[in-house]
Amino acid sequence: MKLLKLQQVMEKTSLCSSSIYNLMKEGDFPKNISVMGKRKAWLESEVEEWVMARIAERDSEVR
């Protein structure tokens, strides 16, 4: 299990921080976890699953 900082999540998804937080608020992006104090992180596996779901959506639209 690997934890990602916000910057790493932004790099993996090509989303800006406000988009990530808006998607989280809408329930359309994995929630972050509190690591310590105000430090937040995301599970890499959940972020990767989210990306793969976007790819699957794209592929299903093409057919």
PDB file of N, CA and C in Angstrom:
ATOM      1  N   MET A   1       0.851  -1.170   0.000  1.00  0.00           N
ATOM      2  CA  MET A   1       0.000   0.000   0.000  1.00  0.00           C
ATOM      3  C   MET A   1       0.900   1.236   0.000  1.00  0.00           C
ATOM      4  N   LYS A   2       0.576   2.170  -0.899  1.00  0.00           N
ATOM      5  CA  LYS A   2       1.349   3.400  -0.998  1.00  0.00           C
ATOM      6  C   LYS A   2       0.403   4.587  -0.886  1.00  0.00           C
ATOM      7  N   LEU A   3       0.840   5.601  -0.167  1.00  0.00           N
ATOM      8  CA  LEU A   3       0.071   6.826  -0.019  1.00  0.00           C
ATOM      9  C   LEU A   3       0.641   7.894  -0.941  1.00  0.00           C
ATOM     10  N   LEU A   4      -0.256   8.700  -1.509  1.00  0.00           N
ATOM     11  CA  LEU A   4       0.152   9.759  -2.423  1.00  0.00           C
ATOM     12  C   LEU A   4      -0.183  11.124  -1.828  1.00  0.00           C
ATOM     13  N   LYS A   5       0.728  12.071  -1.988  1.00  0.00           N
ATOM     14  CA  LYS A   5       0.459  13.459  -1.630  1.00  0.00           C
ATOM     15  C   LYS A   5      -0.375  14.081  -2.743  1.00  0.00           C
ATOM     16  N   LEU A   6      -0.968  15.222  -2.454  1.00  0.00           N
ATOM     17  CA  LEU A   6      -1.823  15.904  -3.422  1.00  0.00           C
ATOM     18  C   LEU A   6      -1.093  16.126  -4.749  1.00  0.00           C
ATOM     19  N   GLN A   7       0.135  16.587  -4.698  1.00  0.00           N
ATOM     20  CA  GLN A   7       0.894  16.847  -5.926  1.00  0.00           C
ATOM     21  C   GLN A   7       1.023  15.577  -6.773  1.00  0.00           C
ATOM     22  N   GLN A   8       1.249  14.442  -6.128  1.00  0.00           N
ATOM     23  CA  GLN A   8       1.372  13.173  -6.843  1.00  0.00           C
ATOM     24  C   GLN A   8       0.040  12.766  -7.466  1.00  0.00           C
ATOM     25  N   VAL A   9      -1.064  13.017  -6.749  1.00  0.00           N
ATOM     26  CA  VAL A   9      -2.392  12.717  -7.286  1.00  0.00           C
ATOM     27  C   VAL A   9      -2.652  13.592  -8.508  1.00  0.00           C
ATOM     28  N   MET A  10      -2.267  14.856  -8.421  1.00  0.00           N
ATOM     29  CA  MET A  10      -2.443  15.774  -9.544  1.00  0.00           C
ATOM     30  C   MET A  10      -1.654  15.294 -10.765  1.00  0.00           C
ATOM     31  N   GLU A  11      -0.448  14.810 -10.534  1.00  0.00           N
ATOM     32  CA  GLU A  11       0.377  14.312 -11.638  1.00  0.00           C
ATOM     33  C   GLU A  11      -0.227  13.056 -12.266  1.00  0.00           C
ATOM     34  N   LYS A  12      -0.751  12.152 -11.439  1.00  0.00           N
ATOM     35  CA  LYS A  12      -1.318  10.902 -11.951  1.00  0.00           C
ATOM     36  C   LYS A  12      -2.627  11.121 -12.707  1.00  0.00           C
ATOM     37  N   THR A  13      -3.393  12.148 -12.328  1.00  0.00           N
ATOM     38  CA  THR A  13      -4.718  12.345 -12.908  1.00  0.00           C
ATOM     39  C   THR A  13      -4.785  13.494 -13.907  1.00  0.00           C
ATOM     40  N   SER A  14      -3.794  14.348 -13.923  1.00  0.00           N
ATOM     41  CA  SER A  14      -3.792  15.583 -14.736  1.00  0.00           C
ATOM     42  C   SER A  14      -4.890  16.545 -14.310  1.00  0.00           C
ATOM     43  N   LEU A  15      -5.333  16.439 -13.067  1.00  0.00           N
ATOM     44  CA  LEU A  15      -6.349  17.337 -12.523  1.00  0.00           C
ATOM     45  C   LEU A  15      -5.687  18.350 -11.593  1.00  0.00           C
ATOM     46  N   CYS A  16      -6.290  19.541 -11.499  1.00  0.00           N
ATOM     47  CA  CYS A  16      -5.811  20.514 -10.525  1.00  0.00           C
ATOM     48  C   CYS A  16      -6.430  20.186  -9.159  1.00  0.00           C
ATOM     49  N   SER A  17      -5.898  20.793  -8.126  1.00  0.00           N
ATOM     50  CA  SER A  17      -6.366  20.479  -6.774  1.00  0.00           C
ATOM     51  C   SER A  17      -7.842  20.799  -6.589  1.00  0.00           C
ATOM     52  N   SER A  18      -8.304  21.922  -7.135  1.00  0.00           N
ATOM     53  CA  SER A  18      -9.720  22.272  -6.952  1.00  0.00           C
ATOM     54  C   SER A  18     -10.630  21.251  -7.628  1.00  0.00           C
ATOM     55  N   SER A  19     -10.230  20.725  -8.776  1.00  0.00           N
ATOM     56  CA  SER A  19     -11.030  19.691  -9.444  1.00  0.00           C
ATOM     57  C   SER A  19     -11.084  18.420  -8.607  1.00  0.00           C
ATOM     58  N   ILE A  20      -9.958  18.048  -8.023  1.00  0.00           N
ATOM     59  CA  ILE A  20      -9.908  16.855  -7.177  1.00  0.00           C
ATOM     60  C   ILE A  20     -10.861  17.011  -5.993  1.00  0.00           C
ATOM     61  N   TYR A  21     -10.785  18.157  -5.314  1.00  0.00           N
ATOM     62  CA  TYR A  21     -11.647  18.369  -4.154  1.00  0.00           C
ATOM     63  C   TYR A  21     -13.118  18.485  -4.544  1.00  0.00           C
ATOM     64  N   ASN A  22     -13.411  19.099  -5.689  1.00  0.00           N
ATOM     65  CA  ASN A  22     -14.801  19.165  -6.157  1.00  0.00           C
ATOM     66  C   ASN A  22     -15.341  17.774  -6.466  1.00  0.00           C
ATOM     67  N   LEU A  23     -14.545  16.948  -7.138  1.00  0.00           N
ATOM     68  CA  LEU A  23     -14.966  15.577  -7.437  1.00  0.00           C
ATOM     69  C   LEU A  23     -15.169  14.771  -6.156  1.00  0.00           C
ATOM     70  N   MET A  24     -14.292  14.978  -5.167  1.00  0.00           N
ATOM     71  CA  MET A  24     -14.447  14.296  -3.880  1.00  0.00           C
ATOM     72  C   MET A  24     -15.765  14.700  -3.230  1.00  0.00           C
ATOM     73  N   LYS A  25     -16.080  15.992  -3.262  1.00  0.00           N
ATOM     74  CA  LYS A  25     -17.308  16.504  -2.655  1.00  0.00           C
ATOM     75  C   LYS A  25     -18.538  15.885  -3.317  1.00  0.00           C
ATOM     76  N   GLU A  26     -18.460  15.674  -4.642  1.00  0.00           N
ATOM     77  CA  GLU A  26     -19.568  15.083  -5.392  1.00  0.00           C
ATOM     78  C   GLU A  26     -19.619  13.559  -5.258  1.00  0.00           C
ATOM     79  N   GLY A  27     -18.601  12.968  -4.615  1.00  0.00           N
ATOM     80  CA  GLY A  27     -18.540  11.524  -4.459  1.00  0.00           C
ATOM     81  C   GLY A  27     -18.016  10.819  -5.693  1.00  0.00           C
ATOM     82  N   ASP A  28     -17.333  11.564  -6.572  1.00  0.00           N
ATOM     83  CA  ASP A  28     -16.827  11.004  -7.824  1.00  0.00           C
ATOM     84  C   ASP A  28     -15.316  10.828  -7.851  1.00  0.00           C
ATOM     85  N   PHE A  29     -14.678  10.900  -6.700  1.00  0.00           N
ATOM     86  CA  PHE A  29     -13.223  10.700  -6.606  1.00  0.00           C
ATOM     87  C   PHE A  29     -12.934  10.114  -5.231  1.00  0.00           C
ATOM     88  N   PRO A  30     -11.904   9.273  -5.139  1.00  0.00           N
ATOM     89  CA  PRO A  30     -11.582   8.669  -3.833  1.00  0.00           C
ATOM     90  C   PRO A  30     -11.337   9.729  -2.760  1.00  0.00           C
ATOM     91  N   LYS A  31     -11.816   9.453  -1.574  1.00  0.00           N
ATOM     92  CA  LYS A  31     -11.594  10.356  -0.447  1.00  0.00           C
ATOM     93  C   LYS A  31     -10.164  10.212   0.049  1.00  0.00           C
ATOM     94  N   ASN A  32      -9.645  11.314   0.579  1.00  0.00           N
ATOM     95  CA  ASN A  32      -8.313  11.252   1.172  1.00  0.00           C
ATOM     96  C   ASN A  32      -8.423  10.764   2.610  1.00  0.00           C
ATOM     97  N   ILE A  33      -7.281  10.455   3.177  1.00  0.00           N
ATOM     98  CA  ILE A  33      -7.242  10.020   4.574  1.00  0.00           C
ATOM     99  C   ILE A  33      -6.352  10.976   5.354  1.00  0.00           C
ATOM    100  N   SER A  34      -6.632  11.094   6.617  1.00  0.00           N
ATOM    101  CA  SER A  34      -5.836  11.939   7.493  1.00  0.00           C
ATOM    102  C   SER A  34      -4.646  11.112   7.973  1.00  0.00           C
ATOM    103  N   VAL A  35      -3.463  11.548   7.615  1.00  0.00           N
ATOM    104  CA  VAL A  35      -2.260  10.804   7.995  1.00  0.00           C
ATOM    105  C   VAL A  35      -1.788  11.234   9.378  1.00  0.00           C
ATOM    106  N   MET A  36      -1.698  12.561   9.557  1.00  0.00           N
ATOM    107  CA  MET A  36      -1.270  13.104  10.847  1.00  0.00           C
ATOM    108  C   MET A  36      -1.573  14.596  10.845  1.00  0.00           C
ATOM    109  N   GLY A  37      -2.304  15.037  11.806  1.00  0.00           N
ATOM    110  CA  GLY A  37      -2.655  16.456  11.853  1.00  0.00           C
ATOM    111  C   GLY A  37      -3.417  16.858  10.603  1.00  0.00           C
ATOM    112  N   LYS A  38      -2.910  17.872   9.910  1.00  0.00           N
ATOM    113  CA  LYS A  38      -3.557  18.343   8.696  1.00  0.00           C
ATOM    114  C   LYS A  38      -3.058  17.625   7.447  1.00  0.00           C
ATOM    115  N   ARG A  39      -2.092  16.740   7.602  1.00  0.00           N
ATOM    116  CA  ARG A  39      -1.515  16.030   6.453  1.00  0.00           C
ATOM    117  C   ARG A  39      -2.520  15.026   5.912  1.00  0.00           C
ATOM    118  N   LYS A  40      -2.843  15.157   4.628  1.00  0.00           N
ATOM    119  CA  LYS A  40      -3.793  14.265   3.957  1.00  0.00           C
ATOM    120  C   LYS A  40      -3.063  13.491   2.866  1.00  0.00           C
ATOM    121  N   ALA A  41      -3.592  12.331   2.545  1.00  0.00           N
ATOM    122  CA  ALA A  41      -3.011  11.510   1.483  1.00  0.00           C
ATOM    123  C   ALA A  41      -4.100  10.634   0.879  1.00  0.00           C
ATOM    124  N   TRP A  42      -3.816  10.115  -0.308  1.00  0.00           N
ATOM    125  CA  TRP A  42      -4.737   9.233  -1.018  1.00  0.00           C
ATOM    126  C   TRP A  42      -4.063   7.883  -1.199  1.00  0.00           C
ATOM    127  N   LEU A  43      -4.867   6.829  -1.182  1.00  0.00           N
ATOM    128  CA  LEU A  43      -4.331   5.509  -1.472  1.00  0.00           C
ATOM    129  C   LEU A  43      -4.059   5.425  -2.972  1.00  0.00           C
ATOM    130  N   GLU A  44      -2.846   5.069  -3.328  1.00  0.00           N
ATOM    131  CA  GLU A  44      -2.476   4.988  -4.740  1.00  0.00           C
ATOM    132  C   GLU A  44      -3.393   4.031  -5.493  1.00  0.00           C
ATOM    133  N   SER A  45      -3.733   2.914  -4.879  1.00  0.00           N
ATOM    134  CA  SER A  45      -4.578   1.918  -5.543  1.00  0.00           C
ATOM    135  C   SER A  45      -5.953   2.489  -5.883  1.00  0.00           C
ATOM    136  N   GLU A  46      -6.514   3.318  -4.999  1.00  0.00           N
ATOM    137  CA  GLU A  46      -7.823   3.913  -5.269  1.00  0.00           C
ATOM    138  C   GLU A  46      -7.750   4.945  -6.388  1.00  0.00           C
ATOM    139  N   VAL A  47      -6.684   5.722  -6.414  1.00  0.00           N
ATOM    140  CA  VAL A  47      -6.508   6.709  -7.484  1.00  0.00           C
ATOM    141  C   VAL A  47      -6.328   5.990  -8.818  1.00  0.00           C
ATOM    142  N   GLU A  48      -5.538   4.915  -8.825  1.00  0.00           N
ATOM    143  CA  GLU A  48      -5.339   4.156 -10.058  1.00  0.00           C
ATOM    144  C   GLU A  48      -6.633   3.502 -10.528  1.00  0.00           C
ATOM    145  N   GLU A  49      -7.445   3.006  -9.600  1.00  0.00           N
ATOM    146  CA  GLU A  49      -8.755   2.440  -9.966  1.00  0.00           C
ATOM    147  C   GLU A  49      -9.638   3.507 -10.599  1.00  0.00           C
ATOM    148  N   TRP A  50      -9.599   4.726 -10.064  1.00  0.00           N
ATOM    149  CA  TRP A  50     -10.387   5.823 -10.611  1.00  0.00           C
ATOM    150  C   TRP A  50      -9.953   6.120 -12.053  1.00  0.00           C
ATOM    151  N   VAL A  51      -8.643   6.167 -12.283  1.00  0.00           N
ATOM    152  CA  VAL A  51      -8.125   6.410 -13.634  1.00  0.00           C
ATOM    153  C   VAL A  51      -8.565   5.288 -14.572  1.00  0.00           C
ATOM    154  N   MET A  52      -8.453   4.046 -14.127  1.00  0.00           N
ATOM    155  CA  MET A  52      -8.842   2.909 -14.967  1.00  0.00           C
ATOM    156  C   MET A  52     -10.335   2.953 -15.297  1.00  0.00           C
ATOM    157  N   ALA A  53     -11.143   3.414 -14.370  1.00  0.00           N
ATOM    158  CA  ALA A  53     -12.581   3.548 -14.625  1.00  0.00           C
ATOM    159  C   ALA A  53     -12.838   4.601 -15.702  1.00  0.00           C
ATOM    160  N   ARG A  54     -12.068   5.681 -15.715  1.00  0.00           N
ATOM    161  CA  ARG A  54     -12.210   6.704 -16.762  1.00  0.00           C
ATOM    162  C   ARG A  54     -11.843   6.107 -18.127  1.00  0.00           C
ATOM    163  N   ILE A  55     -10.810   5.263 -18.149  1.00  0.00           N
ATOM    164  CA  ILE A  55     -10.406   4.608 -19.397  1.00  0.00           C
ATOM    165  C   ILE A  55     -11.502   3.658 -19.862  1.00  0.00           C
ATOM    166  N   ALA A  56     -12.080   2.907 -18.932  1.00  0.00           N
ATOM    167  CA  ALA A  56     -13.159   1.976 -19.274  1.00  0.00           C
ATOM    168  C   ALA A  56     -14.366   2.740 -19.828  1.00  0.00           C
ATOM    169  N   GLU A  57     -14.698   3.897 -19.237  1.00  0.00           N
ATOM    170  CA  GLU A  57     -15.791   4.722 -19.739  1.00  0.00           C
ATOM    171  C   GLU A  57     -15.514   5.171 -21.174  1.00  0.00           C
ATOM    172  N   ARG A  58     -14.293   5.600 -21.409  1.00  0.00           N
ATOM    173  CA  ARG A  58     -13.910   6.033 -22.753  1.00  0.00           C
ATOM    174  C   ARG A  58     -14.048   4.903 -23.751  1.00  0.00           C
ATOM    175  N   ASP A  59     -13.558   3.750 -23.374  1.00  0.00           N
ATOM    176  CA  ASP A  59     -13.589   2.601 -24.276  1.00  0.00           C
ATOM    177  C   ASP A  59     -15.009   2.124 -24.565  1.00  0.00           C
ATOM    178  N   SER A  60     -15.888   2.237 -23.577  1.00  0.00           N
ATOM    179  CA  SER A  60     -17.274   1.809 -23.788  1.00  0.00           C
ATOM    180  C   SER A  60     -18.030   2.798 -24.680  1.00  0.00           C
ATOM    181  N   GLU A  61     -17.645   4.053 -24.676  1.00  0.00           N
ATOM    182  CA  GLU A  61     -18.272   5.061 -25.525  1.00  0.00           C
ATOM    183  C   GLU A  61     -17.885   4.879 -26.988  1.00  0.00           C
ATOM    184  N   VAL A  62     -16.692   4.368 -27.233  1.00  0.00           N
ATOM    185  CA  VAL A  62     -16.183   4.212 -28.595  1.00  0.00           C
ATOM    186  C   VAL A  62     -16.955   3.144 -29.337  1.00  0.00           C
ATOM    187  N   ARG A  63     -17.401   2.132 -28.634  1.00  0.00           N
ATOM    188  CA  ARG A  63     -18.047   0.987 -29.283  1.00  0.00           C
ATOM    189  C   ARG A  63     -19.422   1.277 -29.732  1.00  0.00           C
TER     190      ARG A  63
END
